N, C-alpha and C. Protein backbone atom coordinates (compact mmCIF):
# COMPACT_ATOMS: atom_id res chain seq x y z
N UNK A 1 -75.38 12.28 -64.84
CA UNK A 1 -73.99 12.23 -65.26
C UNK A 1 -73.13 11.55 -64.21
N UNK A 2 -72.34 10.62 -64.67
CA UNK A 2 -71.47 9.88 -63.77
C UNK A 2 -70.17 10.64 -63.56
N UNK A 3 -69.73 10.65 -62.37
CA UNK A 3 -68.46 11.27 -62.02
C UNK A 3 -67.47 10.12 -61.76
N UNK A 4 -66.35 10.15 -62.44
CA UNK A 4 -65.36 9.10 -62.29
C UNK A 4 -64.73 9.07 -60.90
N UNK A 5 -64.17 7.94 -60.55
CA UNK A 5 -63.54 7.78 -59.26
C UNK A 5 -62.33 8.77 -59.16
N UNK A 6 -61.64 8.93 -60.26
CA UNK A 6 -60.46 9.86 -60.28
C UNK A 6 -60.95 11.32 -59.96
N UNK A 7 -61.99 11.69 -60.59
CA UNK A 7 -62.56 13.07 -60.36
C UNK A 7 -62.97 13.18 -58.93
N UNK A 8 -63.67 12.19 -58.36
CA UNK A 8 -64.13 12.30 -56.99
C UNK A 8 -62.89 12.36 -56.04
N UNK A 9 -61.85 11.55 -56.36
CA UNK A 9 -60.67 11.57 -55.56
C UNK A 9 -59.96 12.95 -55.61
N UNK A 10 -59.89 13.53 -56.81
CA UNK A 10 -59.27 14.80 -56.96
C UNK A 10 -60.02 15.88 -56.15
N UNK A 11 -61.35 15.86 -56.20
CA UNK A 11 -62.17 16.81 -55.41
C UNK A 11 -61.94 16.64 -53.92
N UNK A 12 -61.84 15.42 -53.48
CA UNK A 12 -61.62 15.11 -52.07
C UNK A 12 -60.31 15.71 -51.62
N UNK A 13 -59.25 15.47 -52.49
CA UNK A 13 -57.90 15.99 -52.21
C UNK A 13 -57.96 17.55 -52.12
N UNK A 14 -58.61 18.16 -53.05
CA UNK A 14 -58.72 19.61 -53.13
C UNK A 14 -59.37 20.14 -51.85
N UNK A 15 -60.51 19.54 -51.50
CA UNK A 15 -61.22 19.99 -50.29
C UNK A 15 -60.40 19.78 -49.06
N UNK A 16 -59.76 18.61 -48.94
CA UNK A 16 -58.90 18.34 -47.77
C UNK A 16 -57.76 19.35 -47.72
N UNK A 17 -57.11 19.60 -48.88
CA UNK A 17 -55.97 20.53 -48.91
C UNK A 17 -56.46 21.96 -48.51
N UNK A 18 -57.64 22.31 -49.06
CA UNK A 18 -58.17 23.65 -48.71
C UNK A 18 -58.47 23.78 -47.22
N UNK A 19 -59.05 22.71 -46.69
CA UNK A 19 -59.36 22.73 -45.26
C UNK A 19 -58.10 22.82 -44.42
N UNK A 20 -57.08 22.10 -44.83
CA UNK A 20 -55.78 22.14 -44.08
C UNK A 20 -55.17 23.51 -44.18
N UNK A 21 -55.14 24.08 -45.43
CA UNK A 21 -54.52 25.43 -45.55
C UNK A 21 -55.26 26.45 -44.72
N UNK A 22 -56.61 26.50 -44.84
CA UNK A 22 -57.40 27.46 -44.10
C UNK A 22 -57.29 27.20 -42.58
N UNK A 23 -57.31 25.96 -42.21
CA UNK A 23 -57.26 25.65 -40.73
C UNK A 23 -55.89 26.05 -40.17
N UNK A 24 -54.84 25.75 -40.89
CA UNK A 24 -53.46 26.11 -40.46
C UNK A 24 -53.36 27.68 -40.44
N UNK A 25 -53.85 28.31 -41.44
CA UNK A 25 -53.73 29.79 -41.52
C UNK A 25 -54.58 30.45 -40.39
N UNK A 26 -55.74 29.87 -40.16
CA UNK A 26 -56.52 30.43 -39.10
C UNK A 26 -55.94 30.17 -37.71
N UNK A 27 -55.35 29.00 -37.56
CA UNK A 27 -54.70 28.67 -36.29
C UNK A 27 -53.49 29.59 -36.02
N UNK A 28 -52.80 29.91 -37.10
CA UNK A 28 -51.63 30.80 -36.96
C UNK A 28 -51.98 32.23 -36.74
N UNK A 29 -53.19 32.60 -37.06
CA UNK A 29 -53.65 33.96 -36.92
C UNK A 29 -54.10 34.19 -35.48
N UNK A 30 -53.35 35.05 -34.80
CA UNK A 30 -53.63 35.23 -33.37
C UNK A 30 -55.00 35.88 -33.05
N UNK A 31 -55.50 36.67 -33.96
CA UNK A 31 -56.77 37.38 -33.74
C UNK A 31 -57.99 36.44 -33.93
N UNK A 32 -57.76 35.31 -34.57
CA UNK A 32 -58.89 34.38 -34.80
C UNK A 32 -58.63 33.13 -33.93
N UNK A 33 -59.64 32.77 -33.25
CA UNK A 33 -59.55 31.52 -32.38
C UNK A 33 -60.37 30.47 -33.01
N UNK A 34 -59.77 29.39 -33.40
CA UNK A 34 -60.46 28.21 -34.01
C UNK A 34 -59.90 27.03 -33.30
N UNK A 35 -60.77 26.14 -32.80
CA UNK A 35 -60.35 24.92 -32.21
C UNK A 35 -60.14 23.85 -33.32
N UNK A 36 -58.91 23.73 -33.77
CA UNK A 36 -58.61 22.80 -34.89
C UNK A 36 -58.53 21.38 -34.40
N UNK A 37 -58.63 21.17 -33.16
CA UNK A 37 -58.59 19.74 -32.61
C UNK A 37 -60.00 19.16 -32.66
N UNK A 38 -61.06 19.98 -32.87
CA UNK A 38 -62.46 19.49 -32.90
C UNK A 38 -62.68 18.70 -34.13
N UNK A 39 -63.48 17.65 -33.99
CA UNK A 39 -63.88 16.90 -35.15
C UNK A 39 -64.95 17.74 -35.92
N UNK A 40 -64.74 17.89 -37.23
CA UNK A 40 -65.68 18.69 -37.95
C UNK A 40 -66.93 17.87 -38.33
N UNK A 41 -68.09 18.41 -37.98
CA UNK A 41 -69.37 17.77 -38.45
C UNK A 41 -69.80 18.36 -39.71
N UNK A 42 -69.36 19.58 -40.02
CA UNK A 42 -69.64 20.25 -41.25
C UNK A 42 -68.53 21.26 -41.54
N UNK A 43 -68.41 21.65 -42.81
CA UNK A 43 -67.40 22.58 -43.21
C UNK A 43 -67.70 23.99 -42.62
N UNK A 44 -66.80 24.60 -41.83
CA UNK A 44 -67.12 25.93 -41.40
C UNK A 44 -67.15 26.94 -42.53
N UNK A 45 -68.01 27.88 -42.42
CA UNK A 45 -68.19 28.93 -43.45
C UNK A 45 -67.48 30.16 -43.02
N UNK A 46 -66.61 30.69 -43.88
CA UNK A 46 -65.88 31.94 -43.60
C UNK A 46 -66.79 33.09 -43.84
N UNK A 47 -67.09 33.87 -42.82
CA UNK A 47 -67.92 35.07 -42.94
C UNK A 47 -67.12 36.31 -42.84
N UNK A 48 -67.76 37.46 -43.08
CA UNK A 48 -67.06 38.77 -43.00
C UNK A 48 -66.50 39.03 -41.62
N UNK A 49 -67.19 38.55 -40.58
CA UNK A 49 -66.67 38.76 -39.23
C UNK A 49 -65.25 38.15 -39.07
N UNK A 50 -65.14 36.91 -39.47
CA UNK A 50 -63.78 36.22 -39.45
C UNK A 50 -62.84 36.80 -40.46
N UNK A 51 -63.31 37.09 -41.64
CA UNK A 51 -62.47 37.63 -42.73
C UNK A 51 -61.73 38.89 -42.25
N UNK A 52 -62.45 39.75 -41.55
CA UNK A 52 -61.83 41.06 -41.14
C UNK A 52 -60.65 40.88 -40.22
N UNK A 53 -60.60 39.77 -39.48
CA UNK A 53 -59.53 39.58 -38.53
C UNK A 53 -58.36 38.74 -39.11
N UNK A 54 -58.49 38.28 -40.33
CA UNK A 54 -57.45 37.46 -40.99
C UNK A 54 -56.23 38.32 -41.40
N UNK A 55 -55.10 37.69 -41.29
CA UNK A 55 -53.91 38.36 -41.80
C UNK A 55 -53.87 38.31 -43.32
N UNK A 56 -53.19 39.23 -43.98
CA UNK A 56 -53.19 39.23 -45.48
C UNK A 56 -52.77 37.90 -46.10
N UNK A 57 -51.78 37.21 -45.50
CA UNK A 57 -51.33 35.92 -46.06
C UNK A 57 -52.51 34.85 -45.97
N UNK A 58 -53.25 34.93 -44.94
CA UNK A 58 -54.35 34.02 -44.78
C UNK A 58 -55.44 34.25 -45.79
N UNK A 59 -55.73 35.53 -46.06
CA UNK A 59 -56.69 35.89 -47.10
C UNK A 59 -56.18 35.37 -48.46
N UNK A 60 -54.93 35.55 -48.75
CA UNK A 60 -54.39 35.05 -49.99
C UNK A 60 -54.52 33.53 -50.09
N UNK A 61 -54.26 32.82 -49.00
CA UNK A 61 -54.39 31.37 -48.98
C UNK A 61 -55.80 30.96 -49.29
N UNK A 62 -56.80 31.63 -48.76
CA UNK A 62 -58.20 31.34 -49.00
C UNK A 62 -58.48 31.49 -50.50
N UNK A 63 -58.13 32.62 -51.05
CA UNK A 63 -58.39 32.92 -52.47
C UNK A 63 -57.60 31.95 -53.37
N UNK A 64 -56.40 31.61 -53.01
CA UNK A 64 -55.58 30.63 -53.74
C UNK A 64 -56.29 29.25 -53.71
N UNK A 65 -56.87 28.83 -52.58
CA UNK A 65 -57.59 27.63 -52.55
C UNK A 65 -58.77 27.60 -53.50
N UNK A 66 -59.49 28.67 -53.57
CA UNK A 66 -60.62 28.80 -54.59
C UNK A 66 -60.05 28.63 -55.97
N UNK A 67 -58.94 29.31 -56.23
CA UNK A 67 -58.32 29.21 -57.58
C UNK A 67 -57.94 27.76 -57.90
N UNK A 68 -57.42 27.03 -56.89
CA UNK A 68 -57.07 25.62 -57.16
C UNK A 68 -58.29 24.76 -57.49
N UNK A 69 -59.41 24.97 -56.85
CA UNK A 69 -60.62 24.22 -57.12
C UNK A 69 -60.98 24.44 -58.63
N UNK A 70 -61.00 25.73 -59.00
CA UNK A 70 -61.36 26.12 -60.41
C UNK A 70 -60.35 25.47 -61.36
N UNK A 71 -59.07 25.60 -61.09
CA UNK A 71 -58.09 25.08 -61.99
C UNK A 71 -58.15 23.57 -62.14
N UNK A 72 -58.35 22.84 -61.07
CA UNK A 72 -58.47 21.41 -61.14
C UNK A 72 -59.70 20.95 -61.92
N UNK A 73 -60.79 21.63 -61.75
CA UNK A 73 -61.97 21.28 -62.53
C UNK A 73 -61.73 21.58 -64.01
N UNK A 74 -61.04 22.65 -64.34
CA UNK A 74 -60.81 22.94 -65.76
C UNK A 74 -59.91 21.91 -66.35
N UNK A 75 -58.89 21.41 -65.58
CA UNK A 75 -57.99 20.37 -66.11
C UNK A 75 -58.76 19.02 -66.30
N UNK A 76 -59.60 18.70 -65.37
CA UNK A 76 -60.39 17.49 -65.47
C UNK A 76 -61.28 17.54 -66.69
N UNK A 77 -61.90 18.72 -66.95
CA UNK A 77 -62.75 18.85 -68.13
C UNK A 77 -61.94 18.77 -69.41
N UNK A 78 -60.74 19.25 -69.41
CA UNK A 78 -59.89 19.12 -70.61
C UNK A 78 -59.66 17.61 -70.95
N UNK A 79 -59.48 16.79 -69.92
CA UNK A 79 -59.29 15.38 -70.11
C UNK A 79 -60.60 14.61 -70.37
N UNK A 80 -61.71 15.18 -69.84
CA UNK A 80 -63.00 14.54 -69.95
C UNK A 80 -63.98 15.51 -70.39
N UNK A 81 -63.97 15.97 -71.70
CA UNK A 81 -64.87 17.04 -72.15
C UNK A 81 -66.37 16.74 -71.93
N UNK A 82 -66.73 15.48 -71.81
CA UNK A 82 -68.13 15.14 -71.59
C UNK A 82 -68.63 15.59 -70.24
N UNK A 83 -67.71 15.97 -69.36
CA UNK A 83 -68.07 16.46 -68.01
C UNK A 83 -68.32 17.92 -67.96
N UNK A 84 -68.10 18.59 -69.04
CA UNK A 84 -68.24 20.10 -69.03
C UNK A 84 -69.67 20.50 -68.78
N UNK A 85 -69.83 21.41 -67.91
CA UNK A 85 -71.19 21.90 -67.55
C UNK A 85 -71.09 23.35 -67.05
N UNK A 86 -72.19 23.99 -66.91
CA UNK A 86 -72.22 25.37 -66.48
C UNK A 86 -72.61 25.46 -65.01
N UNK A 87 -71.84 24.79 -64.15
CA UNK A 87 -72.12 24.80 -62.77
C UNK A 87 -71.47 25.97 -62.06
N UNK A 88 -71.55 25.96 -60.70
CA UNK A 88 -71.03 27.05 -59.87
C UNK A 88 -69.53 27.26 -60.17
N UNK A 89 -68.77 26.20 -60.24
CA UNK A 89 -67.29 26.34 -60.43
C UNK A 89 -66.95 26.89 -61.81
N UNK A 90 -67.71 26.50 -62.83
CA UNK A 90 -67.49 27.01 -64.17
C UNK A 90 -67.83 28.56 -64.22
N UNK A 91 -68.92 28.90 -63.59
CA UNK A 91 -69.25 30.32 -63.53
C UNK A 91 -68.26 31.09 -62.70
N UNK A 92 -67.77 30.53 -61.62
CA UNK A 92 -66.77 31.13 -60.82
C UNK A 92 -65.52 31.41 -61.66
N UNK A 93 -65.12 30.39 -62.48
CA UNK A 93 -63.98 30.54 -63.33
C UNK A 93 -64.20 31.71 -64.30
N UNK A 94 -65.39 31.78 -64.91
CA UNK A 94 -65.66 32.88 -65.87
C UNK A 94 -65.60 34.24 -65.18
N UNK A 95 -66.21 34.33 -64.03
CA UNK A 95 -66.25 35.61 -63.37
C UNK A 95 -64.96 36.09 -62.75
N UNK A 96 -64.10 35.14 -62.36
CA UNK A 96 -62.79 35.55 -61.74
C UNK A 96 -61.66 35.64 -62.74
N UNK A 97 -61.89 35.19 -63.92
CA UNK A 97 -60.82 35.21 -64.97
C UNK A 97 -60.29 36.60 -65.16
N UNK A 98 -58.92 36.68 -65.00
CA UNK A 98 -58.28 37.97 -65.19
C UNK A 98 -58.28 38.88 -63.98
N UNK A 99 -58.91 38.50 -62.88
CA UNK A 99 -58.88 39.32 -61.69
C UNK A 99 -57.78 38.84 -60.79
N UNK A 100 -56.82 39.72 -60.47
CA UNK A 100 -55.73 39.24 -59.59
C UNK A 100 -56.23 39.00 -58.16
N UNK A 101 -55.51 38.10 -57.46
CA UNK A 101 -55.90 37.80 -56.06
C UNK A 101 -55.97 39.00 -55.24
N UNK A 102 -55.06 39.93 -55.39
CA UNK A 102 -55.07 41.16 -54.58
C UNK A 102 -56.33 42.00 -54.86
N UNK A 103 -56.80 42.00 -56.08
CA UNK A 103 -58.02 42.71 -56.44
C UNK A 103 -59.25 42.02 -55.78
N UNK A 104 -59.26 40.69 -55.75
CA UNK A 104 -60.38 40.02 -55.10
C UNK A 104 -60.37 40.38 -53.62
N UNK A 105 -59.25 40.32 -53.01
CA UNK A 105 -59.17 40.67 -51.55
C UNK A 105 -59.60 42.09 -51.26
N UNK A 106 -59.13 43.06 -52.09
CA UNK A 106 -59.49 44.42 -51.96
C UNK A 106 -61.01 44.61 -52.06
N UNK A 107 -61.62 43.95 -53.04
CA UNK A 107 -63.08 44.07 -53.19
C UNK A 107 -63.88 43.49 -52.01
N UNK A 108 -63.36 42.31 -51.49
CA UNK A 108 -64.01 41.76 -50.33
C UNK A 108 -63.87 42.65 -49.09
N UNK A 109 -62.65 43.16 -48.85
CA UNK A 109 -62.40 44.06 -47.75
C UNK A 109 -63.31 45.31 -47.89
N UNK A 110 -63.34 45.89 -49.07
CA UNK A 110 -64.11 47.09 -49.29
C UNK A 110 -65.62 46.79 -49.06
N UNK A 111 -66.16 45.70 -49.49
CA UNK A 111 -67.50 45.35 -49.33
C UNK A 111 -67.86 45.33 -47.83
N UNK A 112 -67.10 44.58 -47.04
CA UNK A 112 -67.39 44.49 -45.59
C UNK A 112 -67.19 45.84 -44.88
N UNK A 113 -66.26 46.66 -45.32
CA UNK A 113 -66.15 47.99 -44.73
C UNK A 113 -67.34 48.83 -45.01
N UNK A 114 -67.85 48.76 -46.25
CA UNK A 114 -68.95 49.61 -46.68
C UNK A 114 -70.29 49.06 -46.20
N UNK A 115 -70.31 47.75 -45.80
CA UNK A 115 -71.60 47.07 -45.39
C UNK A 115 -71.41 46.41 -44.08
N UNK A 116 -71.15 47.11 -43.00
CA UNK A 116 -70.89 46.49 -41.70
C UNK A 116 -72.08 45.61 -41.20
N UNK A 117 -73.24 45.83 -41.70
CA UNK A 117 -74.37 44.95 -41.27
C UNK A 117 -74.39 43.63 -41.91
N UNK A 118 -73.53 43.46 -42.93
CA UNK A 118 -73.43 42.18 -43.67
C UNK A 118 -72.28 41.29 -43.21
N UNK A 119 -71.73 41.55 -42.05
CA UNK A 119 -70.56 40.75 -41.61
C UNK A 119 -70.89 39.27 -41.46
N UNK A 120 -72.17 38.94 -41.37
CA UNK A 120 -72.57 37.54 -41.24
C UNK A 120 -72.66 36.79 -42.60
N UNK A 121 -72.52 37.56 -43.66
CA UNK A 121 -72.58 36.98 -44.99
C UNK A 121 -71.29 36.16 -45.29
N UNK A 122 -71.40 34.97 -45.85
CA UNK A 122 -70.23 34.23 -46.22
C UNK A 122 -69.35 34.99 -47.32
N UNK A 123 -68.08 34.84 -47.16
CA UNK A 123 -67.15 35.46 -48.11
C UNK A 123 -67.43 35.00 -49.52
N UNK A 124 -67.80 33.75 -49.70
CA UNK A 124 -68.07 33.25 -51.08
C UNK A 124 -69.29 33.95 -51.68
N UNK A 125 -70.30 34.30 -50.82
CA UNK A 125 -71.43 35.04 -51.39
C UNK A 125 -71.01 36.43 -51.85
N UNK A 126 -70.10 37.03 -51.11
CA UNK A 126 -69.62 38.37 -51.47
C UNK A 126 -68.79 38.27 -52.78
N UNK A 127 -68.04 37.23 -52.92
CA UNK A 127 -67.25 37.02 -54.17
C UNK A 127 -68.21 36.86 -55.30
N UNK A 128 -69.24 36.02 -55.14
CA UNK A 128 -70.25 35.78 -56.17
C UNK A 128 -70.96 37.05 -56.57
N UNK A 129 -71.53 37.73 -55.57
CA UNK A 129 -72.40 38.88 -55.88
C UNK A 129 -71.65 40.13 -56.28
N UNK A 130 -70.46 40.34 -55.77
CA UNK A 130 -69.76 41.56 -56.08
C UNK A 130 -68.69 41.44 -57.21
N UNK A 131 -68.18 40.24 -57.39
CA UNK A 131 -67.10 40.11 -58.43
C UNK A 131 -67.51 39.25 -59.57
N UNK A 132 -68.09 38.09 -59.31
CA UNK A 132 -68.41 37.12 -60.36
C UNK A 132 -69.69 37.52 -61.09
N UNK A 133 -70.83 37.63 -60.42
CA UNK A 133 -72.08 37.83 -61.08
C UNK A 133 -72.11 39.06 -62.05
N UNK A 134 -71.58 40.20 -61.64
CA UNK A 134 -71.59 41.34 -62.59
C UNK A 134 -70.91 41.06 -63.95
N UNK A 135 -70.04 40.06 -64.01
CA UNK A 135 -69.36 39.77 -65.27
C UNK A 135 -70.07 38.72 -66.10
N UNK A 136 -71.14 38.13 -65.57
CA UNK A 136 -71.78 36.99 -66.23
C UNK A 136 -73.11 37.49 -66.94
N UNK A 137 -73.41 36.83 -68.03
CA UNK A 137 -74.67 37.11 -68.75
C UNK A 137 -75.80 36.24 -68.21
N UNK A 138 -75.45 35.03 -67.74
CA UNK A 138 -76.42 34.13 -67.19
C UNK A 138 -75.84 33.39 -65.96
N UNK A 139 -76.70 32.83 -65.20
CA UNK A 139 -76.25 32.19 -63.95
C UNK A 139 -75.85 30.67 -64.16
N UNK A 140 -75.95 30.01 -63.03
CA UNK A 140 -75.60 28.59 -63.04
C UNK A 140 -76.54 27.85 -63.99
N UNK A 141 -75.97 26.94 -64.74
CA UNK A 141 -76.69 26.19 -65.77
C UNK A 141 -77.20 27.09 -66.89
N UNK A 142 -76.61 28.30 -66.95
CA UNK A 142 -76.98 29.30 -67.96
C UNK A 142 -78.45 29.75 -67.85
N UNK A 143 -79.02 29.62 -66.63
CA UNK A 143 -80.33 30.13 -66.35
C UNK A 143 -80.28 31.64 -66.21
N UNK A 144 -81.15 32.37 -66.88
CA UNK A 144 -81.13 33.85 -66.69
C UNK A 144 -81.27 34.23 -65.26
N UNK A 145 -80.61 35.30 -64.84
CA UNK A 145 -80.60 35.66 -63.44
C UNK A 145 -81.98 35.96 -62.86
N UNK A 146 -82.87 36.43 -63.67
CA UNK A 146 -84.16 36.76 -63.17
C UNK A 146 -84.90 35.49 -62.68
N UNK A 147 -84.47 34.29 -63.09
CA UNK A 147 -85.08 33.07 -62.78
C UNK A 147 -84.41 32.26 -61.65
N UNK A 148 -83.38 32.79 -61.05
CA UNK A 148 -82.70 32.09 -59.98
C UNK A 148 -82.18 33.09 -58.94
N UNK A 149 -81.82 32.58 -57.77
CA UNK A 149 -81.25 33.43 -56.72
C UNK A 149 -80.00 34.01 -57.23
N UNK A 150 -79.78 35.24 -56.87
CA UNK A 150 -78.59 35.95 -57.31
C UNK A 150 -77.54 35.80 -56.29
């Protein structure tokens, strides 16, 4: 499947905006030390350890960024229906539909409180396993869950 230049450009903008929002939010958060002057060789992964020290506004910014990725993909698909697929973002949209940002944050906070040995798990994995997956009948590409990683 070919991805148009406009779609690639939109994704790059979304990723850049998300990185800027999270970087600025993390830099403003006194409890979290991040060297934003470093050149990124790869995207940092937000884990439970960092999540716990974030201010509420920073957590909202992170969830809001996820919502923007989902929303942009949905708008692109409306304009280009041939691009519709059952990928991670589509499943994320299905699983998060109707869940308020505050509810997502509460569930993430609760998970890490109840599972202190899992602080090394990425926040996105917690979102997937605790919020999204339980609402889905099948996983990515509509593959039954018994046939793929959960």
